[in-house]
Amino acid sequence: MMSLYIQDGKARRLAKECVCLECNKKWLIRSDRENSGYCRDCLTKGIRNPMYGKTGWNKNNNTYNRYEYARNRKREIVSMFGNRCAICRTENLPISNYEFHHLNPKEKQYQISKILLWNWDIIKNELQKCIMICANCHKTLTFGDEQLNKS
């Protein structure tokens, strides 16, 4: 059960006080929320937020762990496809250069990059509808040469 209080005739949730790690400004947030430790002003000025800034990630943080888990999953998938583009046969590119192209877009249920954290069976089922190609070939295949020549 959530604790409420009345303010200006409206029911409000209990709040907890937060203090900015940079400027010591105080503000209130709902008691059931977590905060980054920085106020909005400091975040918009570009003060690094340790939860999201790549150099400041905490390895015990779930955001970091999900990122690493997804990269490792993609590494496994790339090695399953043989580390080579299905069209130009270029080998051993960085894993970020490989993309998955659905052969029949009407059968596409999920975008592979969005389901890397899901159950392995769902991923394998979706991968059966795809070929792995490099980013250059994927752009050419998706948009076609004539589209590229027009611009």
Protein backbone atom coordinates (compact mmCIF):
# COMPACT_ATOMS: atom_id res chain seq x y z
CA MET A 1 0.00 0.00 0.00
CA MET A 2 1.31 3.40 -0.98
CA SER A 3 1.36 6.21 1.57
CA LEU A 4 -0.44 9.38 0.53
CA TYR A 5 -0.82 12.90 1.88
CA ILE A 6 -3.17 15.72 0.90
CA GLN A 7 -1.78 18.90 -0.69
CA ASP A 8 -3.93 21.60 -2.32
CA GLY A 9 -6.93 19.30 -2.01
CA LYS A 10 -5.23 16.54 -4.03
CA ALA A 11 -3.85 13.22 -2.85
CA ARG A 12 -0.07 13.06 -3.33
CA ARG A 13 2.44 10.26 -2.84
CA LEU A 14 4.96 10.58 -0.04
CA ALA A 15 8.21 12.00 -1.32
CA LYS A 16 11.82 11.55 -0.32
CA GLU A 17 14.43 14.27 -0.33
CA CYS A 18 17.40 13.99 -2.69
CA VAL A 19 20.60 16.03 -2.74
CA CYS A 20 22.57 16.64 -5.95
CA LEU A 21 26.11 15.23 -5.83
CA GLU A 22 27.41 18.17 -7.88
CA CYS A 23 25.69 21.35 -6.65
CA ASN A 24 24.06 20.15 -3.37
CA LYS A 25 20.64 21.33 -4.57
CA LYS A 26 17.74 19.59 -2.80
CA TRP A 27 14.57 18.29 -4.44
CA LEU A 28 11.77 15.81 -3.76
CA ILE A 29 10.96 12.66 -5.70
CA ARG A 30 8.32 10.00 -5.18
CA SER A 31 9.32 7.57 -2.47
CA ASP A 32 9.05 4.59 -4.83
CA ARG A 33 11.49 6.06 -7.41
CA GLU A 34 15.26 5.89 -7.64
CA ASN A 35 17.36 8.86 -8.69
CA SER A 36 20.69 9.29 -10.46
CA GLY A 37 22.17 11.49 -7.75
CA TYR A 38 22.18 14.61 -9.92
CA CYS A 39 19.54 17.32 -10.29
CA ARG A 40 18.04 18.12 -13.70
CA ASP A 41 20.08 21.30 -14.03
CA CYS A 42 23.39 19.46 -13.60
CA LEU A 43 22.34 16.64 -15.93
CA THR A 44 21.39 19.10 -18.70
CA LYS A 45 24.71 20.94 -18.25
CA GLY A 46 26.46 17.67 -19.07
CA ILE A 47 27.57 16.45 -15.65
CA ARG A 48 28.33 12.75 -16.18
CA ASN A 49 25.66 10.42 -14.90
CA PRO A 50 27.41 7.25 -13.70
CA MET A 51 24.48 5.07 -14.71
CA TYR A 52 24.63 6.01 -18.39
CA GLY A 53 27.99 7.58 -19.22
CA LYS A 54 30.07 4.87 -20.90
CA THR A 55 33.28 5.70 -19.06
CA GLY A 56 31.53 5.89 -15.71
CA TRP A 57 29.52 2.68 -15.81
CA ASN A 58 29.47 0.68 -12.65
CA LYS A 59 30.02 -3.00 -13.45
CA ASN A 60 27.52 -3.97 -10.75
CA ASN A 61 24.87 -1.85 -12.44
CA ASN A 62 22.18 -3.70 -14.43
CA THR A 63 22.54 -1.29 -17.36
CA TYR A 64 26.18 -2.28 -17.79
CA ASN A 65 25.43 -5.98 -17.37
CA ARG A 66 22.64 -5.92 -19.97
CA TYR A 67 24.90 -4.12 -22.43
CA GLU A 68 27.69 -6.67 -21.98
CA TYR A 69 25.25 -9.59 -22.11
CA ALA A 70 23.76 -8.34 -25.39
CA ARG A 71 27.24 -7.85 -26.91
CA ASN A 72 28.22 -11.38 -25.91
CA ARG A 73 24.98 -12.75 -27.36
CA LYS A 74 25.67 -10.98 -30.65
CA ARG A 75 29.23 -12.34 -30.60
CA GLU A 76 27.80 -15.88 -30.30
CA ILE A 77 25.35 -15.29 -33.14
CA VAL A 78 28.04 -13.83 -35.41
CA SER A 79 30.23 -16.89 -34.82
CA MET A 80 27.22 -19.15 -35.54
CA PHE A 81 26.90 -17.44 -38.94
CA GLY A 82 30.63 -17.96 -39.58
CA ASN A 83 32.00 -14.41 -39.08
CA ARG A 84 31.39 -13.49 -42.72
CA CYS A 85 28.97 -11.42 -44.77
CA ALA A 86 26.58 -13.61 -46.77
CA ILE A 87 26.79 -11.28 -49.80
CA CYS A 88 30.34 -9.92 -50.15
CA ARG A 89 32.00 -12.69 -48.08
CA THR A 90 34.05 -10.19 -46.05
CA GLU A 91 35.35 -11.94 -42.93
CA ASN A 92 36.27 -10.98 -39.36
CA LEU A 93 34.70 -7.51 -39.24
CA PRO A 94 33.97 -5.99 -35.82
CA ILE A 95 30.67 -7.40 -34.54
CA SER A 96 29.04 -3.97 -34.70
CA ASN A 97 29.44 -4.07 -38.52
CA TYR A 98 27.25 -7.16 -38.90
CA GLU A 99 23.50 -6.78 -39.31
CA PHE A 100 20.65 -9.25 -39.78
CA HIS A 101 18.46 -8.97 -42.86
CA HIS A 102 15.06 -10.66 -42.93
CA LEU A 103 14.65 -12.43 -46.27
CA ASN A 104 10.87 -12.02 -46.16
CA PRO A 105 9.84 -8.84 -44.31
CA LYS A 106 6.27 -10.14 -43.95
CA GLU A 107 7.51 -12.99 -41.73
CA LYS A 108 9.50 -10.62 -39.50
CA GLN A 109 8.21 -10.64 -35.93
CA TYR A 110 11.08 -8.97 -34.09
CA GLN A 111 14.15 -6.90 -34.80
CA ILE A 112 17.16 -9.02 -33.76
CA SER A 113 18.93 -6.17 -31.96
CA LYS A 114 15.84 -5.63 -29.78
CA ILE A 115 15.55 -9.25 -28.62
CA LEU A 116 19.18 -10.09 -27.78
CA LEU A 117 18.26 -10.30 -24.07
CA TRP A 118 15.30 -12.60 -24.66
CA ASN A 119 14.99 -16.38 -24.51
CA TRP A 120 17.48 -18.13 -26.79
CA ASP A 121 14.74 -20.18 -28.50
CA ILE A 122 12.91 -17.02 -29.62
CA ILE A 123 16.16 -15.56 -30.96
CA LYS A 124 17.02 -18.74 -32.89
CA ASN A 125 13.53 -18.88 -34.36
CA GLU A 126 13.86 -15.30 -35.61
CA LEU A 127 17.42 -15.90 -36.90
CA GLN A 128 16.16 -18.71 -39.16
CA LYS A 129 14.36 -16.01 -41.18
CA CYS A 130 17.56 -13.92 -41.58
CA ILE A 131 20.91 -13.74 -43.26
CA MET A 132 23.87 -12.00 -41.64
CA ILE A 133 25.43 -9.31 -43.82
CA CYS A 134 27.77 -6.38 -43.31
CA ALA A 135 26.33 -2.91 -42.81
CA ASN A 136 27.35 -1.72 -46.31
CA CYS A 137 25.63 -4.64 -48.03
CA HIS A 138 22.57 -4.22 -45.81
CA LYS A 139 22.18 -0.56 -46.78
CA THR A 140 22.58 -1.40 -50.47
CA LEU A 141 20.14 -4.31 -50.24
CA THR A 142 17.55 -2.39 -48.22
CA PHE A 143 17.57 0.92 -50.11
CA GLY A 144 18.87 -0.24 -53.49
CA ASP A 145 21.56 1.31 -55.67
CA GLU A 146 19.10 3.49 -57.58
CA GLN A 147 18.01 5.14 -54.31
CA LEU A 148 21.62 5.92 -53.44
CA ASN A 149 22.35 7.38 -56.89
CA LYS A 150 19.41 9.81 -56.71
CA SER A 151 20.86 11.73 -53.75
